[in-house]
Amino acid sequence: MGIQQLITHLLDWVEHLGFWAPLAFIIIYNLATILFIPGSLLTLGAGIIFGVIWGSIYVSIGSVMGATFAFLIGRYFTRDWVARKLENYENFQAIDQAVGEEGWKIVGLTRLSPIFPFNLLNYAFGLTNVSLKDYFLASWIGMLPGTILYVYVGSLVGSLAQLGTAERSRTLIEWLLYGIGLMATLIVTLYITRIAQNALNQKIK
């Protein structure tokens, strides 16, 4: 059984839990984040099962909890493993230095941007000197636009049977939120590039 099939089955199970559905969904999302399972299908499914408002709330809780647990695991329990994973991620050294200078701003911008690997960054930020409070708040706020976007898209799908298969044109709100993500990507990329260049210049001097 593939990941997509497994997630669809889990969402179908959650949909029939009644009162316990929100709690079960949050736990599943939390575990998926920690285990490097992409959360996009879960987020879309939240829109189908719970609607835009409650779906966004439950996804936000699950994703932030998972990101926070991963951050703590990376900081206190798996530093060597995370460091090895980051060896092939060329931009991390610049991100690390940028976080040292700007802290929560860089965390927030990387959360807004769709190009940075969400699950790996959860662990990677644990290796930086950003505080838990700044990481938590910046992650929560930075992930909200993407969360609302995907939950909203999911609410338009209609049923879990169509999850991942429905094709349709994007709405104005979707394009607006995609634009925000693109702007964040440009800002953080330019900033990280400047940090890296400054560090290089200091070494050359």
N, C-alpha and C. Protein backbone atom coordinates (compact mmCIF):
# COMPACT_ATOMS: atom_id res chain seq x y z
N MET A 1 0.85 -1.20 0.00
CA MET A 1 0.00 0.00 0.00
C MET A 1 0.89 1.25 0.00
N GLY A 2 0.63 2.16 -0.94
CA GLY A 2 1.41 3.38 -1.02
C GLY A 2 1.00 4.40 0.04
N ILE A 3 1.83 5.44 0.18
CA ILE A 3 1.55 6.48 1.17
C ILE A 3 0.22 7.16 0.91
N GLN A 4 -0.07 7.46 -0.36
CA GLN A 4 -1.33 8.14 -0.69
C GLN A 4 -2.53 7.28 -0.31
N GLN A 5 -2.44 5.98 -0.60
CA GLN A 5 -3.53 5.07 -0.25
C GLN A 5 -3.70 4.99 1.26
N LEU A 6 -2.58 4.88 1.97
CA LEU A 6 -2.62 4.79 3.42
C LEU A 6 -3.27 6.03 4.03
N ILE A 7 -2.87 7.20 3.55
CA ILE A 7 -3.44 8.45 4.07
C ILE A 7 -4.93 8.53 3.78
N THR A 8 -5.32 8.11 2.58
CA THR A 8 -6.74 8.14 2.22
C THR A 8 -7.55 7.23 3.14
N HIS A 9 -7.00 6.04 3.45
CA HIS A 9 -7.69 5.11 4.36
C HIS A 9 -7.78 5.71 5.77
N LEU A 10 -6.70 6.33 6.22
CA LEU A 10 -6.71 6.95 7.55
C LEU A 10 -7.74 8.08 7.62
N LEU A 11 -7.80 8.88 6.57
CA LEU A 11 -8.77 9.98 6.53
C LEU A 11 -10.20 9.44 6.53
N ASP A 12 -10.42 8.37 5.79
CA ASP A 12 -11.75 7.75 5.77
C ASP A 12 -12.12 7.24 7.16
N TRP A 13 -11.13 6.67 7.86
CA TRP A 13 -11.36 6.19 9.24
C TRP A 13 -11.68 7.37 10.16
N VAL A 14 -10.92 8.45 10.03
CA VAL A 14 -11.14 9.64 10.86
C VAL A 14 -12.53 10.22 10.61
N GLU A 15 -12.95 10.24 9.35
CA GLU A 15 -14.24 10.84 8.99
C GLU A 15 -15.40 10.18 9.72
N HIS A 16 -15.25 8.92 10.11
CA HIS A 16 -16.34 8.18 10.73
C HIS A 16 -16.19 8.06 12.25
N LEU A 17 -15.28 8.86 12.83
CA LEU A 17 -15.05 8.76 14.27
C LEU A 17 -15.95 9.67 15.09
N GLY A 18 -16.67 10.55 14.44
CA GLY A 18 -17.57 11.44 15.17
C GLY A 18 -16.83 12.40 16.09
N PHE A 19 -17.17 12.38 17.37
CA PHE A 19 -16.62 13.30 18.37
C PHE A 19 -15.09 13.23 18.44
N TRP A 20 -14.52 12.03 18.23
CA TRP A 20 -13.08 11.84 18.38
C TRP A 20 -12.29 12.16 17.12
N ALA A 21 -12.98 12.51 16.05
CA ALA A 21 -12.31 12.76 14.77
C ALA A 21 -11.23 13.84 14.85
N PRO A 22 -11.51 15.02 15.46
CA PRO A 22 -10.47 16.05 15.51
C PRO A 22 -9.20 15.59 16.23
N LEU A 23 -9.37 14.91 17.38
CA LEU A 23 -8.22 14.45 18.15
C LEU A 23 -7.41 13.44 17.35
N ALA A 24 -8.10 12.48 16.72
CA ALA A 24 -7.41 11.47 15.93
C ALA A 24 -6.66 12.12 14.78
N PHE A 25 -7.28 13.09 14.12
CA PHE A 25 -6.64 13.76 12.99
C PHE A 25 -5.38 14.50 13.43
N ILE A 26 -5.47 15.20 14.55
CA ILE A 26 -4.32 15.96 15.06
C ILE A 26 -3.16 15.02 15.39
N ILE A 27 -3.47 13.89 16.02
CA ILE A 27 -2.43 12.91 16.36
C ILE A 27 -1.77 12.35 15.10
N ILE A 28 -2.59 12.01 14.10
CA ILE A 28 -2.06 11.48 12.84
C ILE A 28 -1.18 12.51 12.15
N TYR A 29 -1.63 13.77 12.13
CA TYR A 29 -0.85 14.83 11.47
C TYR A 29 0.47 15.04 12.21
N ASN A 30 0.38 15.02 13.51
CA ASN A 30 1.57 15.17 14.36
C ASN A 30 2.61 14.09 14.02
N LEU A 31 2.17 12.84 13.99
CA LEU A 31 3.07 11.72 13.71
C LEU A 31 3.62 11.79 12.28
N ALA A 32 2.77 12.18 11.33
CA ALA A 32 3.21 12.29 9.94
C ALA A 32 4.33 13.30 9.81
N THR A 33 4.22 14.42 10.53
CA THR A 33 5.25 15.46 10.48
C THR A 33 6.57 14.93 11.03
N ILE A 34 6.50 14.23 12.14
CA ILE A 34 7.71 13.70 12.77
C ILE A 34 8.36 12.63 11.90
N LEU A 35 7.54 11.85 11.18
CA LEU A 35 8.03 10.71 10.41
C LEU A 35 8.33 11.06 8.95
N PHE A 36 8.41 12.33 8.62
CA PHE A 36 8.76 12.78 7.27
C PHE A 36 7.71 12.40 6.22
N ILE A 37 6.46 12.21 6.62
CA ILE A 37 5.40 11.91 5.67
C ILE A 37 4.79 13.24 5.21
N PRO A 38 4.76 13.51 3.92
CA PRO A 38 4.20 14.78 3.43
C PRO A 38 2.79 15.01 3.93
N GLY A 39 2.51 16.25 4.36
CA GLY A 39 1.22 16.54 4.96
C GLY A 39 0.19 17.12 4.01
N SER A 40 0.53 17.26 2.73
CA SER A 40 -0.39 17.93 1.80
C SER A 40 -1.73 17.20 1.67
N LEU A 41 -1.70 15.86 1.56
CA LEU A 41 -2.95 15.12 1.43
C LEU A 41 -3.78 15.20 2.72
N LEU A 42 -3.10 15.15 3.86
CA LEU A 42 -3.81 15.28 5.13
C LEU A 42 -4.48 16.65 5.23
N THR A 43 -3.76 17.68 4.77
CA THR A 43 -4.30 19.04 4.82
C THR A 43 -5.50 19.17 3.90
N LEU A 44 -5.39 18.64 2.70
CA LEU A 44 -6.53 18.64 1.78
C LEU A 44 -7.71 17.87 2.37
N GLY A 45 -7.39 16.72 2.97
CA GLY A 45 -8.44 15.91 3.59
C GLY A 45 -9.16 16.61 4.71
N ALA A 46 -8.43 17.46 5.45
CA ALA A 46 -9.06 18.22 6.53
C ALA A 46 -10.14 19.13 5.98
N GLY A 47 -9.89 19.71 4.81
CA GLY A 47 -10.90 20.57 4.20
C GLY A 47 -12.16 19.81 3.83
N ILE A 48 -11.97 18.55 3.39
CA ILE A 48 -13.11 17.71 3.02
C ILE A 48 -13.91 17.30 4.25
N ILE A 49 -13.20 16.89 5.29
CA ILE A 49 -13.86 16.33 6.48
C ILE A 49 -14.43 17.41 7.40
N PHE A 50 -13.63 18.46 7.65
CA PHE A 50 -14.00 19.43 8.67
C PHE A 50 -14.42 20.80 8.13
N GLY A 51 -14.20 21.06 6.85
CA GLY A 51 -14.49 22.38 6.31
C GLY A 51 -13.29 23.32 6.49
N VAL A 52 -13.40 24.52 5.96
CA VAL A 52 -12.27 25.44 5.93
C VAL A 52 -11.84 25.89 7.32
N ILE A 53 -12.77 26.36 8.13
CA ILE A 53 -12.42 26.96 9.42
C ILE A 53 -11.85 25.92 10.38
N TRP A 54 -12.64 24.88 10.67
CA TRP A 54 -12.17 23.88 11.63
C TRP A 54 -11.03 23.05 11.05
N GLY A 55 -11.05 22.81 9.75
CA GLY A 55 -9.95 22.09 9.13
C GLY A 55 -8.65 22.83 9.29
N SER A 56 -8.68 24.15 9.08
CA SER A 56 -7.48 24.97 9.24
C SER A 56 -6.98 24.94 10.68
N ILE A 57 -7.90 24.99 11.62
CA ILE A 57 -7.52 24.96 13.04
C ILE A 57 -6.86 23.63 13.39
N TYR A 58 -7.46 22.53 12.98
CA TYR A 58 -6.91 21.21 13.33
C TYR A 58 -5.57 20.96 12.64
N VAL A 59 -5.44 21.37 11.37
CA VAL A 59 -4.17 21.21 10.68
C VAL A 59 -3.10 22.07 11.34
N SER A 60 -3.47 23.29 11.71
CA SER A 60 -2.51 24.20 12.35
C SER A 60 -1.99 23.60 13.65
N ILE A 61 -2.90 23.06 14.45
CA ILE A 61 -2.49 22.45 15.72
C ILE A 61 -1.58 21.25 15.47
N GLY A 62 -2.01 20.36 14.57
CA GLY A 62 -1.23 19.15 14.30
C GLY A 62 0.13 19.44 13.71
N SER A 63 0.19 20.37 12.75
CA SER A 63 1.45 20.66 12.09
C SER A 63 2.43 21.38 13.01
N VAL A 64 1.93 22.32 13.81
CA VAL A 64 2.81 23.05 14.73
C VAL A 64 3.31 22.14 15.84
N MET A 65 2.43 21.27 16.35
CA MET A 65 2.86 20.31 17.37
C MET A 65 3.94 19.39 16.81
N GLY A 66 3.70 18.86 15.60
CA GLY A 66 4.67 17.97 14.98
C GLY A 66 5.99 18.66 14.72
N ALA A 67 5.91 19.91 14.21
CA ALA A 67 7.13 20.68 13.93
C ALA A 67 7.91 20.96 15.20
N THR A 68 7.19 21.21 16.29
CA THR A 68 7.84 21.51 17.57
C THR A 68 8.50 20.26 18.15
N PHE A 69 7.81 19.13 18.09
CA PHE A 69 8.41 17.88 18.56
C PHE A 69 9.66 17.54 17.75
N ALA A 70 9.58 17.72 16.42
CA ALA A 70 10.74 17.43 15.57
C ALA A 70 11.90 18.36 15.91
N PHE A 71 11.60 19.63 16.16
CA PHE A 71 12.61 20.60 16.57
C PHE A 71 13.32 20.15 17.84
N LEU A 72 12.54 19.72 18.83
CA LEU A 72 13.11 19.28 20.11
C LEU A 72 13.91 17.99 19.94
N ILE A 73 13.41 17.08 19.10
CA ILE A 73 14.14 15.84 18.83
C ILE A 73 15.48 16.15 18.17
N GLY A 74 15.44 17.06 17.18
CA GLY A 74 16.66 17.45 16.49
C GLY A 74 17.65 18.14 17.40
N ARG A 75 17.16 18.92 18.33
CA ARG A 75 18.05 19.68 19.22
C ARG A 75 18.66 18.82 20.31
N TYR A 76 17.90 17.87 20.84
CA TYR A 76 18.38 17.17 22.04
C TYR A 76 18.69 15.68 21.84
N PHE A 77 18.20 15.06 20.76
CA PHE A 77 18.34 13.61 20.67
C PHE A 77 19.02 13.11 19.39
N THR A 78 18.88 13.80 18.29
CA THR A 78 19.38 13.26 17.02
C THR A 78 20.25 14.27 16.27
N ARG A 79 21.05 15.02 17.00
CA ARG A 79 21.85 16.07 16.37
C ARG A 79 22.80 15.52 15.29
N ASP A 80 23.48 14.42 15.58
CA ASP A 80 24.44 13.86 14.63
C ASP A 80 23.73 13.37 13.36
N TRP A 81 22.59 12.71 13.54
CA TRP A 81 21.83 12.20 12.40
C TRP A 81 21.33 13.35 11.53
N VAL A 82 20.80 14.40 12.15
CA VAL A 82 20.31 15.56 11.40
C VAL A 82 21.46 16.24 10.67
N ALA A 83 22.60 16.36 11.36
CA ALA A 83 23.77 17.00 10.74
C ALA A 83 24.21 16.23 9.48
N ARG A 84 24.16 14.91 9.53
CA ARG A 84 24.52 14.11 8.36
C ARG A 84 23.53 14.32 7.22
N LYS A 85 22.24 14.41 7.57
CA LYS A 85 21.21 14.64 6.56
C LYS A 85 21.41 15.99 5.86
N LEU A 86 21.95 16.95 6.59
CA LEU A 86 22.09 18.31 6.07
C LEU A 86 23.38 18.51 5.28
N GLU A 87 24.24 17.50 5.26
CA GLU A 87 25.52 17.64 4.56
C GLU A 87 25.32 17.95 3.08
N ASN A 88 24.26 17.40 2.49
CA ASN A 88 24.01 17.62 1.07
C ASN A 88 23.07 18.80 0.81
N TYR A 89 22.68 19.49 1.87
CA TYR A 89 21.79 20.64 1.72
C TYR A 89 22.63 21.91 1.79
N GLU A 90 23.06 22.38 0.62
CA GLU A 90 24.05 23.43 0.53
C GLU A 90 23.65 24.73 1.21
N ASN A 91 22.37 25.05 1.19
CA ASN A 91 21.94 26.34 1.71
C ASN A 91 21.82 26.38 3.23
N PHE A 92 21.97 25.21 3.89
CA PHE A 92 21.69 25.21 5.32
C PHE A 92 22.69 26.05 6.11
N GLN A 93 23.96 26.03 5.73
CA GLN A 93 24.94 26.82 6.47
C GLN A 93 24.57 28.29 6.44
N ALA A 94 24.12 28.75 5.27
CA ALA A 94 23.69 30.14 5.16
C ALA A 94 22.43 30.39 5.98
N ILE A 95 21.50 29.43 5.95
CA ILE A 95 20.28 29.55 6.76
C ILE A 95 20.63 29.60 8.23
N ASP A 96 21.57 28.74 8.65
CA ASP A 96 22.01 28.69 10.04
C ASP A 96 22.56 30.05 10.47
N GLN A 97 23.40 30.64 9.63
CA GLN A 97 23.97 31.94 9.96
C GLN A 97 22.90 33.03 9.95
N ALA A 98 21.99 32.95 8.98
CA ALA A 98 20.91 33.94 8.90
C ALA A 98 20.02 33.87 10.13
N VAL A 99 19.73 32.65 10.59
CA VAL A 99 18.93 32.48 11.81
C VAL A 99 19.66 33.10 13.00
N GLY A 100 20.99 32.93 13.03
CA GLY A 100 21.77 33.51 14.11
C GLY A 100 21.65 35.02 14.16
N GLU A 101 21.46 35.65 12.99
CA GLU A 101 21.37 37.10 12.95
C GLU A 101 19.94 37.61 13.08
N GLU A 102 18.99 36.89 12.46
CA GLU A 102 17.62 37.39 12.40
C GLU A 102 16.59 36.51 13.14
N GLY A 103 16.98 35.30 13.53
CA GLY A 103 16.12 34.43 14.33
C GLY A 103 14.78 34.13 13.68
N TRP A 104 13.72 34.54 14.35
CA TRP A 104 12.36 34.16 13.96
C TRP A 104 11.98 34.64 12.56
N LYS A 105 12.61 35.72 12.07
CA LYS A 105 12.26 36.22 10.74
C LYS A 105 12.58 35.19 9.66
N ILE A 106 13.76 34.56 9.77
CA ILE A 106 14.15 33.56 8.79
C ILE A 106 13.28 32.32 8.92
N VAL A 107 12.97 31.92 10.14
CA VAL A 107 12.09 30.78 10.35
C VAL A 107 10.74 31.04 9.68
N GLY A 108 10.18 32.21 9.92
CA GLY A 108 8.89 32.56 9.34
C GLY A 108 8.90 32.60 7.83
N LEU A 109 9.95 33.16 7.26
CA LEU A 109 10.05 33.25 5.80
C LEU A 109 10.19 31.89 5.15
N THR A 110 10.98 31.01 5.76
CA THR A 110 11.12 29.66 5.18
C THR A 110 9.81 28.89 5.29
N ARG A 111 8.99 29.20 6.29
CA ARG A 111 7.69 28.55 6.42
C ARG A 111 6.72 29.04 5.34
N LEU A 112 6.84 30.29 4.96
CA LEU A 112 5.99 30.84 3.91
C LEU A 112 6.37 30.30 2.54
N SER A 113 7.63 29.96 2.39
CA SER A 113 8.13 29.55 1.08
C SER A 113 7.90 28.06 0.83
N PRO A 114 7.39 27.70 -0.35
CA PRO A 114 7.13 26.27 -0.64
C PRO A 114 8.36 25.49 -1.07
N ILE A 115 9.51 26.15 -1.30
CA ILE A 115 10.67 25.42 -1.84
C ILE A 115 11.54 24.79 -0.76
N PHE A 116 11.37 25.21 0.50
CA PHE A 116 12.21 24.66 1.55
C PHE A 116 11.57 23.39 2.11
N PRO A 117 12.37 22.32 2.33
CA PRO A 117 11.82 21.03 2.78
C PRO A 117 11.29 21.11 4.20
N PHE A 118 9.98 21.16 4.33
CA PHE A 118 9.32 21.42 5.62
C PHE A 118 9.75 20.44 6.70
N ASN A 119 9.63 19.15 6.43
CA ASN A 119 9.91 18.16 7.48
C ASN A 119 11.37 18.16 7.91
N LEU A 120 12.29 18.30 6.94
CA LEU A 120 13.71 18.32 7.30
C LEU A 120 14.06 19.59 8.07
N LEU A 121 13.49 20.72 7.68
CA LEU A 121 13.78 21.98 8.38
C LEU A 121 13.32 21.94 9.83
N ASN A 122 12.25 21.19 10.11
CA ASN A 122 11.80 21.06 11.50
C ASN A 122 12.94 20.57 12.39
N TYR A 123 13.63 19.54 11.91
CA TYR A 123 14.77 19.00 12.65
C TYR A 123 15.97 19.93 12.56
N ALA A 124 16.18 20.49 11.36
CA ALA A 124 17.37 21.32 11.13
C ALA A 124 17.38 22.56 12.02
N PHE A 125 16.24 23.18 12.23
CA PHE A 125 16.20 24.37 13.08
C PHE A 125 16.59 24.05 14.51
N GLY A 126 16.47 22.78 14.89
CA GLY A 126 16.92 22.37 16.23
C GLY A 126 18.41 22.51 16.40
N LEU A 127 19.16 22.52 15.30
CA LEU A 127 20.61 22.66 15.37
C LEU A 127 21.05 24.13 15.41
N THR A 128 20.13 25.04 15.16
CA THR A 128 20.45 26.46 15.19
C THR A 128 20.27 26.99 16.61
N ASN A 129 20.56 28.29 16.80
CA ASN A 129 20.41 28.87 18.14
C ASN A 129 19.09 29.60 18.31
N VAL A 130 18.14 29.39 17.40
CA VAL A 130 16.83 30.02 17.57
C VAL A 130 16.15 29.45 18.81
N SER A 131 15.47 30.30 19.56
CA SER A 131 14.81 29.83 20.78
C SER A 131 13.54 29.06 20.43
N LEU A 132 13.11 28.19 21.34
CA LEU A 132 11.90 27.40 21.12
C LEU A 132 10.69 28.32 20.93
N LYS A 133 10.60 29.38 21.72
CA LYS A 133 9.46 30.30 21.63
C LYS A 133 9.42 30.97 20.26
N ASP A 134 10.56 31.49 19.80
CA ASP A 134 10.60 32.15 18.49
C ASP A 134 10.31 31.17 17.37
N TYR A 135 10.86 29.96 17.49
CA TYR A 135 10.62 28.94 16.48
C TYR A 135 9.13 28.59 16.42
N PHE A 136 8.53 28.39 17.56
CA PHE A 136 7.11 28.00 17.62
C PHE A 136 6.23 29.08 17.01
N LEU A 137 6.40 30.33 17.45
CA LEU A 137 5.54 31.41 16.97
C LEU A 137 5.76 31.68 15.48
N ALA A 138 7.03 31.72 15.05
CA ALA A 138 7.32 32.00 13.64
C ALA A 138 6.81 30.87 12.75
N SER A 139 6.94 29.63 13.20
CA SER A 139 6.44 28.50 12.43
C SER A 139 4.93 28.54 12.32
N TRP A 140 4.27 28.80 13.42
CA TRP A 140 2.81 28.83 13.43
C TRP A 140 2.27 29.91 12.50
N ILE A 141 2.80 31.11 12.63
CA ILE A 141 2.33 32.23 11.79
C ILE A 141 2.72 32.01 10.33
N GLY A 142 3.96 31.55 10.09
CA GLY A 142 4.43 31.35 8.73
C GLY A 142 3.70 30.25 7.98
N MET A 143 3.22 29.22 8.71
CA MET A 143 2.54 28.11 8.06
C MET A 143 1.06 28.37 7.82
N LEU A 144 0.50 29.38 8.46
CA LEU A 144 -0.94 29.62 8.35
C LEU A 144 -1.44 29.85 6.93
N PRO A 145 -0.78 30.72 6.13
CA PRO A 145 -1.30 30.94 4.78
C PRO A 145 -1.37 29.67 3.94
N GLY A 146 -0.30 28.86 3.97
CA GLY A 146 -0.31 27.61 3.23
C GLY A 146 -1.33 26.63 3.75
N THR A 147 -1.49 26.60 5.08
CA THR A 147 -2.49 25.73 5.70
C THR A 147 -3.89 26.07 5.21
N ILE A 148 -4.24 27.34 5.28
CA ILE A 148 -5.57 27.79 4.86
C ILE A 148 -5.79 27.51 3.38
N LEU A 149 -4.75 27.75 2.57
CA LEU A 149 -4.86 27.50 1.13
C LEU A 149 -5.20 26.05 0.84
N TYR A 150 -4.42 25.12 1.42
CA TYR A 150 -4.63 23.70 1.12
C TYR A 150 -5.94 23.18 1.70
N VAL A 151 -6.32 23.65 2.88
CA VAL A 151 -7.59 23.24 3.45
C VAL A 151 -8.74 23.74 2.58
N TYR A 152 -8.61 24.98 2.13
CA TYR A 152 -9.63 25.56 1.25
C TYR A 152 -9.76 24.76 -0.05
N VAL A 153 -8.61 24.41 -0.65
CA VAL A 153 -8.62 23.60 -1.87
C VAL A 153 -9.30 22.26 -1.59
N GLY A 154 -8.96 21.65 -0.45
CA GLY A 154 -9.57 20.38 -0.09
C GLY A 154 -11.08 20.48 0.06
N SER A 155 -11.55 21.60 0.61
CA SER A 155 -12.99 21.77 0.81
C SER A 155 -13.73 21.81 -0.52
N LEU A 156 -13.03 22.16 -1.60
CA LEU A 156 -13.65 22.23 -2.92
C LEU A 156 -13.65 20.89 -3.64
N VAL A 157 -12.85 19.94 -3.14
CA VAL A 157 -12.75 18.64 -3.80
C VAL A 157 -14.05 17.86 -3.69
N GLY A 158 -14.66 17.89 -2.52
CA GLY A 158 -15.98 17.27 -2.37
C GLY A 158 -16.00 15.99 -1.59
N SER A 159 -15.12 15.04 -1.91
CA SER A 159 -15.12 13.75 -1.20
C SER A 159 -13.71 13.17 -1.16
N LEU A 160 -13.48 12.30 -0.19
CA LEU A 160 -12.18 11.67 -0.07
C LEU A 160 -11.85 10.80 -1.27
N ALA A 161 -12.88 10.26 -1.93
CA ALA A 161 -12.65 9.41 -3.10
C ALA A 161 -11.99 10.18 -4.24
N GLN A 162 -12.20 11.51 -4.26
CA GLN A 162 -11.63 12.35 -5.32
C GLN A 162 -10.30 12.97 -4.91
N LEU A 163 -9.85 12.70 -3.69
CA LEU A 163 -8.65 13.33 -3.17
C LEU A 163 -7.43 12.98 -4.03
N GLY A 164 -6.75 14.02 -4.52
CA GLY A 164 -5.56 13.82 -5.33
C GLY A 164 -5.84 13.55 -6.79
N THR A 165 -7.14 13.49 -7.17
CA THR A 165 -7.47 13.19 -8.56
C THR A 165 -8.23 14.32 -9.24
N ALA A 166 -8.90 15.16 -8.46
CA ALA A 166 -9.74 16.21 -9.05
C ALA A 166 -8.89 17.30 -9.69
N GLU A 167 -9.28 17.71 -10.88
CA GLU A 167 -8.59 18.79 -11.57
C GLU A 167 -9.55 19.96 -11.75
N ARG A 168 -9.06 21.18 -11.50
CA ARG A 168 -9.89 22.36 -11.64
C ARG A 168 -9.00 23.58 -11.71
N SER A 169 -9.58 24.70 -12.07
CA SER A 169 -8.81 25.95 -12.15
C SER A 169 -8.66 26.55 -10.76
N ARG A 170 -7.55 27.28 -10.55
CA ARG A 170 -7.29 27.90 -9.25
C ARG A 170 -8.11 29.17 -9.09
N THR A 171 -8.51 29.46 -7.85
CA THR A 171 -9.28 30.67 -7.56
C THR A 171 -8.33 31.84 -7.31
N LEU A 172 -8.91 33.03 -7.20
CA LEU A 172 -8.13 34.24 -6.95
C LEU A 172 -7.40 34.15 -5.62
N ILE A 173 -8.07 33.59 -4.59
CA ILE A 173 -7.45 33.47 -3.26
C ILE A 173 -6.23 32.54 -3.33
N GLU A 174 -6.35 31.45 -4.07
CA GLU A 174 -5.23 30.53 -4.23
C GLU A 174 -4.04 31.22 -4.88
N TRP A 175 -4.30 31.94 -5.98
CA TRP A 175 -3.23 32.65 -6.67
C TRP A 175 -2.59 33.69 -5.76
N LEU A 176 -3.40 34.35 -4.93
CA LEU A 176 -2.87 35.35 -4.00
C LEU A 176 -1.93 34.71 -2.99
N LEU A 177 -2.34 33.58 -2.42
CA LEU A 177 -1.51 32.90 -1.43
C LEU A 177 -0.26 32.29 -2.07
N TYR A 178 -0.39 31.80 -3.30
CA TYR A 178 0.80 31.33 -4.02
C TYR A 178 1.77 32.48 -4.23
N GLY A 179 1.22 33.66 -4.53
CA GLY A 179 2.06 34.85 -4.72
C GLY A 179 2.81 35.22 -3.45
N ILE A 180 2.14 35.10 -2.30
CA ILE A 180 2.79 35.37 -1.01
C ILE A 180 3.95 34.41 -0.81
N GLY A 181 3.73 33.12 -1.12
CA GLY A 181 4.80 32.13 -0.99
C GLY A 181 5.97 32.42 -1.90
N LEU A 182 5.66 32.88 -3.13
CA LEU A 182 6.72 33.21 -4.08
C LEU A 182 7.54 34.40 -3.58
N MET A 183 6.86 35.42 -3.06
CA MET A 183 7.56 36.59 -2.53
C MET A 183 8.46 36.20 -1.37
N ALA A 184 7.94 35.35 -0.48
CA ALA A 184 8.74 34.90 0.66
C ALA A 184 9.97 34.14 0.19
N THR A 185 9.78 33.31 -0.85
CA THR A 185 10.91 32.56 -1.41
C THR A 185 11.99 33.50 -1.92
N LEU A 186 11.59 34.51 -2.67
CA LEU A 186 12.55 35.47 -3.21
C LEU A 186 13.28 36.22 -2.10
N ILE A 187 12.51 36.66 -1.08
CA ILE A 187 13.11 37.44 0.02
C ILE A 187 14.14 36.60 0.77
N VAL A 188 13.75 35.39 1.17
CA VAL A 188 14.65 34.57 1.99
C VAL A 188 15.85 34.11 1.17
N THR A 189 15.64 33.83 -0.13
CA THR A 189 16.76 33.42 -0.98
C THR A 189 17.77 34.56 -1.13
N LEU A 190 17.29 35.77 -1.39
CA LEU A 190 18.18 36.92 -1.52
C LEU A 190 18.90 37.20 -0.21
N TYR A 191 18.18 37.07 0.90
CA TYR A 191 18.79 37.36 2.20
C TYR A 191 19.86 36.33 2.53
N ILE A 192 19.55 35.06 2.29
CA ILE A 192 20.51 34.00 2.57
C ILE A 192 21.74 34.14 1.68
N THR A 193 21.52 34.51 0.43
CA THR A 193 22.64 34.73 -0.49
C THR A 193 23.55 35.84 0.03
N ARG A 194 22.94 36.92 0.52
CA ARG A 194 23.73 38.04 1.05
C ARG A 194 24.52 37.61 2.28
N ILE A 195 23.89 36.83 3.16
CA ILE A 195 24.58 36.32 4.35
C ILE A 195 25.78 35.46 3.95
N ALA A 196 25.54 34.56 2.99
CA ALA A 196 26.61 33.67 2.55
C ALA A 196 27.75 34.46 1.92
N GLN A 197 27.41 35.48 1.13
CA GLN A 197 28.44 36.28 0.48
C GLN A 197 29.26 37.07 1.51
N ASN A 198 28.58 37.61 2.52
CA ASN A 198 29.28 38.34 3.58
C ASN A 198 30.24 37.43 4.34
N ALA A 199 29.78 36.22 4.61
CA ALA A 199 30.62 35.25 5.33
C ALA A 199 31.84 34.89 4.49
N LEU A 200 31.63 34.72 3.18
CA LEU A 200 32.72 34.40 2.28
C LEU A 200 33.74 35.55 2.22
N ASN A 201 33.23 36.77 2.15
CA ASN A 201 34.11 37.93 2.09
C ASN A 201 34.96 38.05 3.35
N GLN A 202 34.36 37.72 4.50
CA GLN A 202 35.10 37.80 5.76
C GLN A 202 36.22 36.75 5.80
N LYS A 203 35.98 35.60 5.22
CA LYS A 203 37.00 34.55 5.20
C LYS A 203 38.15 34.91 4.26
N ILE A 204 37.80 35.61 3.17
CA ILE A 204 38.81 35.97 2.18
C ILE A 204 39.74 37.05 2.71
N LYS A 205 39.17 37.95 3.54
CA LYS A 205 39.96 39.08 4.04
C LYS A 205 41.12 38.58 4.92
